Every structure is written in structure tokens, then in C-alpha cells.
Amino acid sequence: MIIIYHAANSLDANMIKSLLEQFHIRAFIQGEYLQGGMGELPAADLVTVSVDDENFTEAKKIIVEWEAATVIEEE
């Protein structure tokens, strides 16, 4: 297992996990429930998404393309 993404929060991590699963890449979230224990302190770098080592290159490419995508807003 290798960390592929450092999420801002659990919602962000779940979006990335779902994105990878659409491409049949198994992803795992670590630290999802640690945020609640932080209270009002800033939770930094607690939530990560990992994939199997053999899926790292493909998963990284998918995430980079997703982050670079343009948001189209309709009026």
C-alpha cells in the first residue's frame, strides 16, 4: 500500500476513493475518523487515500487529470 493522496477532510478523501473505484482501482482511506478527535484544532494531513503499489502510476494519473479538469458552470 502506498499513499496516493493527502485529503483536506473525509469528504475529499471519499471523492478521490470513489473516483479511483470508477476505474476499478481499489482505494483505502486512513485517518478518516481522527478528525473528530481534534475538536477545534486544525486537522492537518490526517486523512489519506492509499492504493496497492501496482496501481500507483495509474491512480496518480487519474488524480492529476481530475485536479486539472475545468469546472463548467451552467447559468
PDB file of N, CA and C in Angstrom:
ATOM      1  N   MET A   1       0.846  -1.183   0.000  1.00  0.00           N
ATOM      2  CA  MET A   1       0.000   0.000   0.000  1.00  0.00           C
ATOM      3  C   MET A   1       0.881   1.233   0.000  1.00  0.00           C
ATOM      4  N   ILE A   2       0.455   2.209  -0.776  1.00  0.00           N
ATOM      5  CA  ILE A   2       1.189   3.466  -0.857  1.00  0.00           C
ATOM      6  C   ILE A   2       0.193   4.620  -0.843  1.00  0.00           C
ATOM      7  N   ILE A   3       0.540   5.659  -0.098  1.00  0.00           N
ATOM      8  CA  ILE A   3      -0.339   6.832  -0.024  1.00  0.00           C
ATOM      9  C   ILE A   3      -0.287   7.555  -1.356  1.00  0.00           C
ATOM     10  N   ILE A   4      -1.459   7.803  -1.919  1.00  0.00           N
ATOM     11  CA  ILE A   4      -1.580   8.448  -3.214  1.00  0.00           C
ATOM     12  C   ILE A   4      -2.101   9.871  -3.094  1.00  0.00           C
ATOM     13  N   TYR A   5      -2.786  10.172  -1.971  1.00  0.00           N
ATOM     14  CA  TYR A   5      -3.457  11.472  -1.855  1.00  0.00           C
ATOM     15  C   TYR A   5      -3.575  11.864  -0.395  1.00  0.00           C
ATOM     16  N   HIS A   6      -3.260  13.110  -0.094  1.00  0.00           N
ATOM     17  CA  HIS A   6      -3.454  13.680   1.240  1.00  0.00           C
ATOM     18  C   HIS A   6      -4.689  14.569   1.153  1.00  0.00           C
ATOM     19  N   ALA A   7      -5.749  14.156   1.804  1.00  0.00           N
ATOM     20  CA  ALA A   7      -7.031  14.846   1.696  1.00  0.00           C
ATOM     21  C   ALA A   7      -7.174  15.950   2.734  1.00  0.00           C
ATOM     22  N   ALA A   8      -7.950  16.953   2.382  1.00  0.00           N
ATOM     23  CA  ALA A   8      -8.237  18.053   3.309  1.00  0.00           C
ATOM     24  C   ALA A   8      -9.184  17.594   4.414  1.00  0.00           C
ATOM     25  N   ASN A   9     -10.068  16.649   4.078  1.00  0.00           N
ATOM     26  CA  ASN A   9     -11.046  16.146   5.041  1.00  0.00           C
ATOM     27  C   ASN A   9     -11.598  14.818   4.518  1.00  0.00           C
ATOM     28  N   SER A  10     -12.492  14.218   5.274  1.00  0.00           N
ATOM     29  CA  SER A  10     -13.011  12.906   4.884  1.00  0.00           C
ATOM     30  C   SER A  10     -13.877  12.973   3.621  1.00  0.00           C
ATOM     31  N   LEU A  11     -14.563  14.081   3.399  1.00  0.00           N
ATOM     32  CA  LEU A  11     -15.360  14.231   2.180  1.00  0.00           C
ATOM     33  C   LEU A  11     -14.454  14.215   0.950  1.00  0.00           C
ATOM     34  N   ASP A  12     -13.361  14.955   1.024  1.00  0.00           N
ATOM     35  CA  ASP A  12     -12.380  14.996  -0.050  1.00  0.00           C
ATOM     36  C   ASP A  12     -11.809  13.598  -0.308  1.00  0.00           C
ATOM     37  N   ALA A  13     -11.474  12.887   0.750  1.00  0.00           N
ATOM     38  CA  ALA A  13     -10.926  11.535   0.623  1.00  0.00           C
ATOM     39  C   ALA A  13     -11.922  10.586  -0.027  1.00  0.00           C
ATOM     40  N   ASN A  14     -13.170  10.675   0.351  1.00  0.00           N
ATOM     41  CA  ASN A  14     -14.196   9.794  -0.218  1.00  0.00           C
ATOM     42  C   ASN A  14     -14.446  10.102  -1.693  1.00  0.00           C
ATOM     43  N   MET A  15     -14.315  11.381  -2.089  1.00  0.00           N
ATOM     44  CA  MET A  15     -14.453  11.723  -3.513  1.00  0.00           C
ATOM     45  C   MET A  15     -13.342  11.066  -4.323  1.00  0.00           C
ATOM     46  N   ILE A  16     -12.104  11.127  -3.816  1.00  0.00           N
ATOM     47  CA  ILE A  16     -10.977  10.519  -4.521  1.00  0.00           C
ATOM     48  C   ILE A  16     -11.122   9.002  -4.560  1.00  0.00           C
ATOM     49  N   LYS A  17     -11.539   8.421  -3.453  1.00  0.00           N
ATOM     50  CA  LYS A  17     -11.742   6.968  -3.406  1.00  0.00           C
ATOM     51  C   LYS A  17     -12.780   6.540  -4.443  1.00  0.00           C
ATOM     52  N   SER A  18     -13.885   7.258  -4.511  1.00  0.00           N
ATOM     53  CA  SER A  18     -14.933   6.938  -5.485  1.00  0.00           C
ATOM     54  C   SER A  18     -14.442   7.117  -6.917  1.00  0.00           C
ATOM     55  N   LEU A  19     -13.663   8.169  -7.154  1.00  0.00           N
ATOM     56  CA  LEU A  19     -13.098   8.401  -8.479  1.00  0.00           C
ATOM     57  C   LEU A  19     -12.236   7.213  -8.904  1.00  0.00           C
ATOM     58  N   LEU A  20     -11.359   6.765  -8.034  1.00  0.00           N
ATOM     59  CA  LEU A  20     -10.485   5.642  -8.356  1.00  0.00           C
ATOM     60  C   LEU A  20     -11.267   4.348  -8.560  1.00  0.00           C
ATOM     61  N   GLU A  21     -12.295   4.153  -7.759  1.00  0.00           N
ATOM     62  CA  GLU A  21     -13.103   2.945  -7.894  1.00  0.00           C
ATOM     63  C   GLU A  21     -13.863   2.910  -9.215  1.00  0.00           C
ATOM     64  N   GLN A  22     -14.152   4.081  -9.790  1.00  0.00           N
ATOM     65  CA  GLN A  22     -14.780   4.115 -11.115  1.00  0.00           C
ATOM     66  C   GLN A  22     -13.863   3.507 -12.173  1.00  0.00           C
ATOM     67  N   PHE A  23     -12.566   3.544 -11.917  1.00  0.00           N
ATOM     68  CA  PHE A  23     -11.579   2.977 -12.836  1.00  0.00           C
ATOM     69  C   PHE A  23     -11.096   1.608 -12.346  1.00  0.00           C
ATOM     70  N   HIS A  24     -11.850   1.022 -11.439  1.00  0.00           N
ATOM     71  CA  HIS A  24     -11.574  -0.318 -10.908  1.00  0.00           C
ATOM     72  C   HIS A  24     -10.239  -0.393 -10.162  1.00  0.00           C
ATOM     73  N   ILE A  25      -9.917   0.688  -9.469  1.00  0.00           N
ATOM     74  CA  ILE A  25      -8.729   0.716  -8.616  1.00  0.00           C
ATOM     75  C   ILE A  25      -9.202   0.734  -7.171  1.00  0.00           C
ATOM     76  N   ARG A  26      -8.807  -0.266  -6.432  1.00  0.00           N
ATOM     77  CA  ARG A  26      -9.195  -0.377  -5.023  1.00  0.00           C
ATOM     78  C   ARG A  26      -8.421   0.661  -4.212  1.00  0.00           C
ATOM     79  N   ALA A  27      -9.150   1.473  -3.451  1.00  0.00           N
ATOM     80  CA  ALA A  27      -8.526   2.533  -2.657  1.00  0.00           C
ATOM     81  C   ALA A  27      -8.989   2.417  -1.206  1.00  0.00           C
ATOM     82  N   PHE A  28      -8.140   2.867  -0.313  1.00  0.00           N
ATOM     83  CA  PHE A  28      -8.418   2.786   1.120  1.00  0.00           C
ATOM     84  C   PHE A  28      -8.185   4.147   1.767  1.00  0.00           C
ATOM     85  N   ILE A  29      -9.057   4.505   2.700  1.00  0.00           N
ATOM     86  CA  ILE A  29      -8.923   5.771   3.424  1.00  0.00           C
ATOM     87  C   ILE A  29      -8.384   5.479   4.816  1.00  0.00           C
ATOM     88  N   GLN A  30      -7.352   6.231   5.203  1.00  0.00           N
ATOM     89  CA  GLN A  30      -6.817   6.131   6.561  1.00  0.00           C
ATOM     90  C   GLN A  30      -7.022   7.469   7.268  1.00  0.00           C
ATOM     91  N   GLY A  31      -7.307   7.402   8.552  1.00  0.00           N
ATOM     92  CA  GLY A  31      -7.418   8.606   9.367  1.00  0.00           C
ATOM     93  C   GLY A  31      -8.743   9.327   9.254  1.00  0.00           C
ATOM     94  N   GLU A  32      -9.700   8.710   8.613  1.00  0.00           N
ATOM     95  CA  GLU A  32     -10.991   9.367   8.380  1.00  0.00           C
ATOM     96  C   GLU A  32     -11.670   9.783   9.686  1.00  0.00           C
ATOM     97  N   TYR A  33     -11.541   8.967  10.707  1.00  0.00           N
ATOM     98  CA  TYR A  33     -12.244   9.243  11.958  1.00  0.00           C
ATOM     99  C   TYR A  33     -11.379   9.983  12.970  1.00  0.00           C
ATOM    100  N   LEU A  34     -10.146  10.276  12.637  1.00  0.00           N
ATOM    101  CA  LEU A  34      -9.277  11.019  13.542  1.00  0.00           C
ATOM    102  C   LEU A  34      -9.650  12.493  13.608  1.00  0.00           C
ATOM    103  N   GLN A  35     -10.277  12.989  12.566  1.00  0.00           N
ATOM    104  CA  GLN A  35     -10.663  14.392  12.539  1.00  0.00           C
ATOM    105  C   GLN A  35     -11.580  14.764  13.687  1.00  0.00           C
ATOM    106  N   GLY A  36     -12.511  13.905  14.023  1.00  0.00           N
ATOM    107  CA  GLY A  36     -13.467  14.198  15.089  1.00  0.00           C
ATOM    108  C   GLY A  36     -12.804  14.376  16.427  1.00  0.00           C
ATOM    109  N   GLY A  37     -11.691  13.714  16.660  1.00  0.00           N
ATOM    110  CA  GLY A  37     -10.991  13.815  17.928  1.00  0.00           C
ATOM    111  C   GLY A  37     -10.188  15.084  18.078  1.00  0.00           C
ATOM    112  N   MET A  38     -10.051  15.847  17.018  1.00  0.00           N
ATOM    113  CA  MET A  38      -9.237  17.056  17.059  1.00  0.00           C
ATOM    114  C   MET A  38      -9.975  18.246  17.653  1.00  0.00           C
ATOM    115  N   GLY A  39     -11.300  18.177  17.710  1.00  0.00           N
ATOM    116  CA  GLY A  39     -12.061  19.315  18.235  1.00  0.00           C
ATOM    117  C   GLY A  39     -11.912  20.513  17.330  1.00  0.00           C
ATOM    118  N   GLU A  40     -11.545  21.654  17.910  1.00  0.00           N
ATOM    119  CA  GLU A  40     -11.406  22.866  17.120  1.00  0.00           C
ATOM    120  C   GLU A  40      -9.984  23.101  16.642  1.00  0.00           C
ATOM    121  N   LEU A  41      -9.078  22.197  16.947  1.00  0.00           N
ATOM    122  CA  LEU A  41      -7.714  22.325  16.448  1.00  0.00           C
ATOM    123  C   LEU A  41      -7.691  22.007  14.958  1.00  0.00           C
ATOM    124  N   PRO A  42      -6.826  22.657  14.202  1.00  0.00           N
ATOM    125  CA  PRO A  42      -6.767  22.347  12.772  1.00  0.00           C
ATOM    126  C   PRO A  42      -6.245  20.933  12.534  1.00  0.00           C
ATOM    127  N   ALA A  43      -6.961  20.182  11.755  1.00  0.00           N
ATOM    128  CA  ALA A  43      -6.562  18.807  11.444  1.00  0.00           C
ATOM    129  C   ALA A  43      -5.762  18.829  10.150  1.00  0.00           C
ATOM    130  N   ALA A  44      -4.471  18.651  10.250  1.00  0.00           N
ATOM    131  CA  ALA A  44      -3.615  18.729   9.074  1.00  0.00           C
ATOM    132  C   ALA A  44      -3.021  17.368   8.742  1.00  0.00           C
ATOM    133  N   ASP A  45      -3.204  16.960   7.510  1.00  0.00           N
ATOM    134  CA  ASP A  45      -2.562  15.760   6.984  1.00  0.00           C
ATOM    135  C   ASP A  45      -2.939  14.477   7.730  1.00  0.00           C
ATOM    136  N   LEU A  46      -4.148  14.427   8.243  1.00  0.00           N
ATOM    137  CA  LEU A  46      -4.588  13.233   8.966  1.00  0.00           C
ATOM    138  C   LEU A  46      -5.249  12.213   8.059  1.00  0.00           C
ATOM    139  N   VAL A  47      -5.925  12.687   7.022  1.00  0.00           N
ATOM    140  CA  VAL A  47      -6.715  11.806   6.168  1.00  0.00           C
ATOM    141  C   VAL A  47      -5.966  11.567   4.861  1.00  0.00           C
ATOM    142  N   THR A  48      -5.712  10.296   4.563  1.00  0.00           N
ATOM    143  CA  THR A  48      -5.002   9.944   3.338  1.00  0.00           C
ATOM    144  C   THR A  48      -5.753   8.856   2.583  1.00  0.00           C
ATOM    145  N   VAL A  49      -5.458   8.764   1.302  1.00  0.00           N
ATOM    146  CA  VAL A  49      -6.007   7.708   0.454  1.00  0.00           C
ATOM    147  C   VAL A  49      -4.818   6.896  -0.061  1.00  0.00           C
ATOM    148  N   SER A  50      -4.921   5.583   0.059  1.00  0.00           N
ATOM    149  CA  SER A  50      -3.853   4.684  -0.388  1.00  0.00           C
ATOM    150  C   SER A  50      -4.375   3.713  -1.434  1.00  0.00           C
ATOM    151  N   VAL A  51      -3.453   3.241  -2.261  1.00  0.00           N
ATOM    152  CA  VAL A  51      -3.766   2.212  -3.256  1.00  0.00           C
ATOM    153  C   VAL A  51      -2.685   1.149  -3.192  1.00  0.00           C
ATOM    154  N   ASP A  52      -2.952   0.011  -3.809  1.00  0.00           N
ATOM    155  CA  ASP A  52      -1.935  -1.030  -3.924  1.00  0.00           C
ATOM    156  C   ASP A  52      -0.779  -0.498  -4.760  1.00  0.00           C
ATOM    157  N   ASP A  53       0.420  -0.945  -4.446  1.00  0.00           N
ATOM    158  CA  ASP A  53       1.623  -0.455  -5.125  1.00  0.00           C
ATOM    159  C   ASP A  53       1.533  -0.551  -6.650  1.00  0.00           C
ATOM    160  N   GLU A  54       0.984  -1.643  -7.149  1.00  0.00           N
ATOM    161  CA  GLU A  54       0.931  -1.838  -8.602  1.00  0.00           C
ATOM    162  C   GLU A  54      -0.041  -0.883  -9.300  1.00  0.00           C
ATOM    163  N   ASN A  55      -0.919  -0.228  -8.537  1.00  0.00           N
ATOM    164  CA  ASN A  55      -1.882   0.722  -9.117  1.00  0.00           C
ATOM    165  C   ASN A  55      -1.453   2.175  -8.970  1.00  0.00           C
ATOM    166  N   PHE A  56      -0.290   2.399  -8.383  1.00  0.00           N
ATOM    167  CA  PHE A  56       0.136   3.768  -8.063  1.00  0.00           C
ATOM    168  C   PHE A  56       0.189   4.668  -9.292  1.00  0.00           C
ATOM    169  N   THR A  57       0.859   4.233 -10.352  1.00  0.00           N
ATOM    170  CA  THR A  57       1.055   5.075 -11.540  1.00  0.00           C
ATOM    171  C   THR A  57      -0.270   5.441 -12.183  1.00  0.00           C
ATOM    172  N   GLU A  58      -1.136   4.463 -12.367  1.00  0.00           N
ATOM    173  CA  GLU A  58      -2.435   4.728 -12.992  1.00  0.00           C
ATOM    174  C   GLU A  58      -3.294   5.617 -12.097  1.00  0.00           C
ATOM    175  N   ALA A  59      -3.294   5.356 -10.801  1.00  0.00           N
ATOM    176  CA  ALA A  59      -4.093   6.151  -9.872  1.00  0.00           C
ATOM    177  C   ALA A  59      -3.609   7.596  -9.828  1.00  0.00           C
ATOM    178  N   LYS A  60      -2.299   7.791  -9.818  1.00  0.00           N
ATOM    179  CA  LYS A  60      -1.744   9.144  -9.795  1.00  0.00           C
ATOM    180  C   LYS A  60      -2.156   9.913 -11.036  1.00  0.00           C
ATOM    181  N   LYS A  61      -2.118   9.248 -12.195  1.00  0.00           N
ATOM    182  CA  LYS A  61      -2.523   9.877 -13.454  1.00  0.00           C
ATOM    183  C   LYS A  61      -3.994  10.298 -13.400  1.00  0.00           C
ATOM    184  N   ILE A  62      -4.846   9.447 -12.873  1.00  0.00           N
ATOM    185  CA  ILE A  62      -6.278   9.752 -12.775  1.00  0.00           C
ATOM    186  C   ILE A  62      -6.503  10.957 -11.872  1.00  0.00           C
ATOM    187  N   ILE A  63      -5.814  10.998 -10.749  1.00  0.00           N
ATOM    188  CA  ILE A  63      -5.983  12.110  -9.808  1.00  0.00           C
ATOM    189  C   ILE A  63      -5.480  13.418 -10.406  1.00  0.00           C
ATOM    190  N   VAL A  64      -4.336  13.378 -11.077  1.00  0.00           N
ATOM    191  CA  VAL A  64      -3.787  14.591 -11.700  1.00  0.00           C
ATOM    192  C   VAL A  64      -4.746  15.122 -12.764  1.00  0.00           C
ATOM    193  N   GLU A  65      -5.295  14.248 -13.588  1.00  0.00           N
ATOM    194  CA  GLU A  65      -6.259  14.667 -14.616  1.00  0.00           C
ATOM    195  C   GLU A  65      -7.518  15.239 -13.979  1.00  0.00           C
ATOM    196  N   TRP A  66      -7.977  14.635 -12.889  1.00  0.00           N
ATOM    197  CA  TRP A  66      -9.180  15.115 -12.213  1.00  0.00           C
ATOM    198  C   TRP A  66      -8.940  16.504 -11.619  1.00  0.00           C
ATOM    199  N   GLU A  67      -7.772  16.703 -11.010  1.00  0.00           N
ATOM    200  CA  GLU A  67      -7.457  18.014 -10.414  1.00  0.00           C
ATOM    201  C   GLU A  67      -7.308  19.093 -11.469  1.00  0.00           C
ATOM    202  N   ALA A  68      -6.877  18.736 -12.683  1.00  0.00           N
ATOM    203  CA  ALA A  68      -6.666  19.710 -13.739  1.00  0.00           C
ATOM    204  C   ALA A  68      -7.943  20.008 -14.527  1.00  0.00           C
ATOM    205  N   ALA A  69      -8.995  19.268 -14.298  1.00  0.00           N
ATOM    206  CA  ALA A  69     -10.240  19.439 -15.053  1.00  0.00           C
ATOM    207  C   ALA A  69     -10.864  20.819 -14.797  1.00  0.00           C
ATOM    208  N   THR A  70     -11.469  21.352 -15.815  1.00  0.00           N
ATOM    209  CA  THR A  70     -12.146  22.641 -15.726  1.00  0.00           C
ATOM    210  C   THR A  70     -13.592  22.428 -15.309  1.00  0.00           C
ATOM    211  N   VAL A  71     -14.033  23.234 -14.365  1.00  0.00           N
ATOM    212  CA  VAL A  71     -15.420  23.170 -13.908  1.00  0.00           C
ATOM    213  C   VAL A  71     -16.271  24.022 -14.849  1.00  0.00           C
ATOM    214  N   ILE A  72     -17.312  23.411 -15.379  1.00  0.00           N
ATOM    215  CA  ILE A  72     -18.220  24.134 -16.274  1.00  0.00           C
ATOM    216  C   ILE A  72     -19.481  24.469 -15.491  1.00  0.00           C
ATOM    217  N   GLU A  73     -19.721  25.770 -15.364  1.00  0.00           N
ATOM    218  CA  GLU A  73     -20.907  26.217 -14.625  1.00  0.00           C
ATOM    219  C   GLU A  73     -21.993  26.630 -15.615  1.00  0.00           C
ATOM    220  N   GLU A  74     -23.186  26.128 -15.381  1.00  0.00           N
ATOM    221  CA  GLU A  74     -24.320  26.491 -16.225  1.00  0.00           C
ATOM    222  C   GLU A  74     -25.089  27.622 -15.562  1.00  0.00           C
ATOM    223  N   GLU A  75     -25.633  28.481 -16.394  1.00  0.00           N
ATOM    224  CA  GLU A  75     -26.406  29.610 -15.871  1.00  0.00           C
ATOM    225  C   GLU A  75     -27.819  29.210 -15.570  1.00  0.00           C
TER     226      GLU A  75
END
